[in-house]
Structures are given as structure tokens and as C-alpha cells.
Amino acid sequence: MRRVEIEMNPNPIVRFLGIPPEEFTKKSLIRFIESNNIRMLNFRYIAEDSRLKTLNFVITSKSHLDRILSQGERIDGSSVFSYIDTRASDLYIIPRYKTAFVNRFSSIPAVDILCAFYTKDGEPLKTAPQTILQNACESLQKSIGLTLDGLGELEYYTISDEASLYPVQPQKGYQESSPFCRWEDLRREAMLLIAEAGGKIKYGHSEVGYIHEDGKIMEQNEIEFLPVPAMEAADQIILAKWVLRMLGQKYGVTITFSPKISVGHAGSGLHIHTKLLKNGKSVMTEKGKLSDTAKRAIAGYLSLAGSLTAFGNTVPSSYLRLVPHQEAPTKICWSDMNRSALVRVPLGWLGVGDMAKDANPQEKDKPPKIEDLQTVEFRAPDGSANIHLLLAGLVVAARHGLEMKDGLKLADELYVDVNIFAEKKLQQKLPSLPTSCYESAERLSKDRRFYEQDGVFPPQIIDSTIKKLTSYGDRNIRKKLMNNPSSIKKLIATYLHCG
């Protein structure tokens, strides 16, 4: 990392130490903590429910701090993961130094660090979501020689008391500015805090959703990230959700990542973009067009799309969002720039000239070389997703597509270039996504061998996921709730704080 990048890095630990996070060591963190009068250390870890948990330490001495950072601490694994037996439930949580950040919400100066899980024998916990994602990435690298970068588009609603000033028409909130975007300041503050905690942010903006209902204003916003290695992509989504909820508490408003908060209005997705690389260089394009490698990966996403919902759409209200005519996918297909498709290939700056020079004829400097920015976007997931398992599933699906003999043929068959919601014959031809958690579990049961290949997903994780999804009893949920607004509201309220 160049010196200027260090000086401009939002993370105060990076600026103080003069090194990138990947080079953080125990010794360097102790130096930062000592020099900045940090009084507390917080271990953070991600549990089965995908929320950030906390273990607090008061720093009493340098030797005490050294011990904590060196040895970690033990926790009750049975309270963290439902599949761990109480008879042998102790786990270690060990800090991952590169994830350290200053906790701006703490009234006492504190540093927080994300942790990894280890067993009583000092081995990584195979069933931990982070371990599964790491194993998926290693399996892809070993078998295909590729790595996967990912990024999330984190959509959320801010729910606040009714306000008469500067209203927005329903479904017309896309990239509105303040004062029409009421909670722009909250979003900007969130972006800065997420960046300080290590998140790589592309941009933020208000989204299309604007709901005025039951004396409340519900305003939709989005924060989109930059592509980073899959493990980092998962970490930054988890941290971003925590930051946004903490700011909601600060401002006295509700932040929700629920997939649906009102029928007939835009739901909140968690679209995932992926990018395959070989030796650090993108392989998504070739001669200015989408490469066969990218198309094969897309075929893998389409082939396992139904079972991927088991990790990306994990509550019954997820399937109130995946309905026609709401810019949410229902059919398994892909397209260029088409928001009615499950997999979308967004604009990637391919074949364009120097647009900045055209817009600014006075500009004399040569622009930097345009790198391969092309990604593919998987549009089904929502805020209920177990982000580590979802990304692991996408890595598995990409590998599956790359190893399929007929991958390119499948990609050709499932390519569309029209609005599928307007083409009834095409709708009948295309395979469908699940319509309930129950159906999602059935798809996962059918596809489980692909996820369990090379031991990436332990069988008990697949079993526990299926058990959870079927426990909702939501088969034919749309028919059951049809013309029953009170039951729909109750369902939405139940999962308002999912994920």
C-alpha cells in the first residue's frame, strides 16, 4: 500500500501504524492501544443467526492484553450454534488481527476485532460459517486455479415518524437528494463509520422505496461495496448491518433489512456481485466481451439457483419479495443489464472511450488504464441471508459451472433479452425459483452433494439449514396469505429484524 493510500485510509489504526490491515500484528495492535489510551477490547464474532456478537474485556495491563490477543477466549458454542451439543460445547474464539477497528459507538475508548472459531483441539471449527466460506474459496483455487471477489448491495429501510415536509411519491425515491431524502445524513454517517471499520464502499444512495403507511415514513436506502476477496466481502456486510442498526438507535429510528415490509412496495434485496480472478487478474472478459469463463460461472449460478435461496432467502417473508413485476427475480435466467433476470451482467466500462475527456474537453491528463471491472450480479438474495454461507454457496456454484460439460449450452438456453414479466410464453419455458422456505429446503436437499463436495459444507450444516427452513411450515404461503392483509402484516412484523 502506497504512503498516500495509508494517509487517506479511513481506518485510524492503519493511519497510526502506517501499514495496511493485512500487516497488523499483535505487537502493532498493542502499540496502538497503548498510545491511544484504549481502555477496552471487544471480541466480535458471527453466530448462526448472522448477527455480530460481543465479548468485552477491560484492559488491566500490557501482559493481560498480550494474553487476550495471543490466546483468545472460550465461549459456549451451544448458545451460538444450534447443532452443537451442550455436553461438549466449549469453543475458542481467536482474534483475526487484520479486522481490528476503533469502536466509535463505545463511550469508553475501545478496539473491536472479529474472531474465528476453534475447537478444543485448537483446530478451526469446520461448521463455522467463516470456515465454510474459507474452505469453499480454497477448493475453487485448488480445483480450478481461480479466486472469487464479491460485493454486496445492502438495501434497507429507515422507519420514522410521519413528516409532512418534502414527501416523495411511492416507488419514486431512487437517488433522491436531501431534503426529499430524509435520512441522507444517517446514510453518510454510516458510510464513514463502515469505512473506518475496514469496509470498502463504492457508493450510497436512496433507493426507489418510499412508503407512507400507518403514521410512519419508510424510506429505502442502499450502500454498495467494492469487490474484495469473498471473506472480506462477508465481513463488511456484517459490520455494515451492525453500524446501521447502531445509528438507528442513535437517531431513534428503526433500521430494517427485512425482504418485505409492505406488499405492493419495493422490497429490500442483498444483490451479490462476483468476479473471478486468476493470479489476481480478472478473467471475466475476453477481447472486450464477456468471457466463456464468466458464462460458465453464470451457468453454475443458474443450475444451483434454487438451492442457493436456502442461504440467501431464509425467512417466509423472503417469498413475498420474490414475486413478478417488483424488479425481483422469479425465473431462472440471465441477461445483460436486465433487472427482471436472476443473473444480470451490469455495465462494465467495456468498449467505451474517454468519456471524461469528452465531458471535460479542457482536461489534458491521460486517464488511467481502465481495468476489468466486469462483475455478474446474483439478484435473488435479501437481508435475511446468512452472508458467509451464501457467498460459500456462490463459490461452490461457480466451480460447478466451470466443471459442467454443458455449461455454455445451459448459459445459451437460459439467456433472455426481453422483460420476462411481459412474455407469458417465455415465463412458461423458464424454470422457477422456490416460492417458500419449504420449497427452498427441498431444492437444497436435492443439490446437497454439490455443496458437500470436498467437505466444504459439513452435512450437519445442510441438515440444520433444511430443518430450519421446513420448520416455518410456509408451503404455499402466497396462497395462504392471499386477500389476508392482517396475516401479511403479522408475518412481516415477525421477521422485521431478520439477519
Foldseek 3Di string as FASTA:
>chain_A
DDQVCQCPQLAPLSVVLVHALVPFDLVSVLVVCVVVVAQKEWEWEAFPLRAIDIDIDGDDDSVVSSCCQVFADKDFQCVRYVPADNVAGIKGWHFDRSQWGWDPLDPGTYIYTYTFIAHPVRHGDLAGLLNLLVVLQVVCCVPPVKFKWKKKKQKKKKKDFDDDPQEDPAQQQWQDDPPNQPCPVLVVVLVSVLSNSPFAWDDKGWGRGWDCPPRMTITMIITIGAIDGLSSNSVSVNVSVVSSCSSCVVVVIHMFQFQDQDQPHAGFFIKMWMFMDHPRATPQDDPLHGDVLVLLLLLLCLVLVQLLCLQFVPAFCLLSNCDPPRLAEWFRAEEEPASNHQKYWYDFPGPDDPVVCVVPVVDDDDDPDRGGRTIMIGRSGTPLGSSSVSSSSSSLSSSVSVPDPCSNVSNVVRYDDDNVSVPPVVVVVTHTHDNFLQSSLVSCVVVVVSSCPVHSNPPVSNVVSSVSSVVVVCVVVCVVCVPPVVVVNVSCVVCRHRD
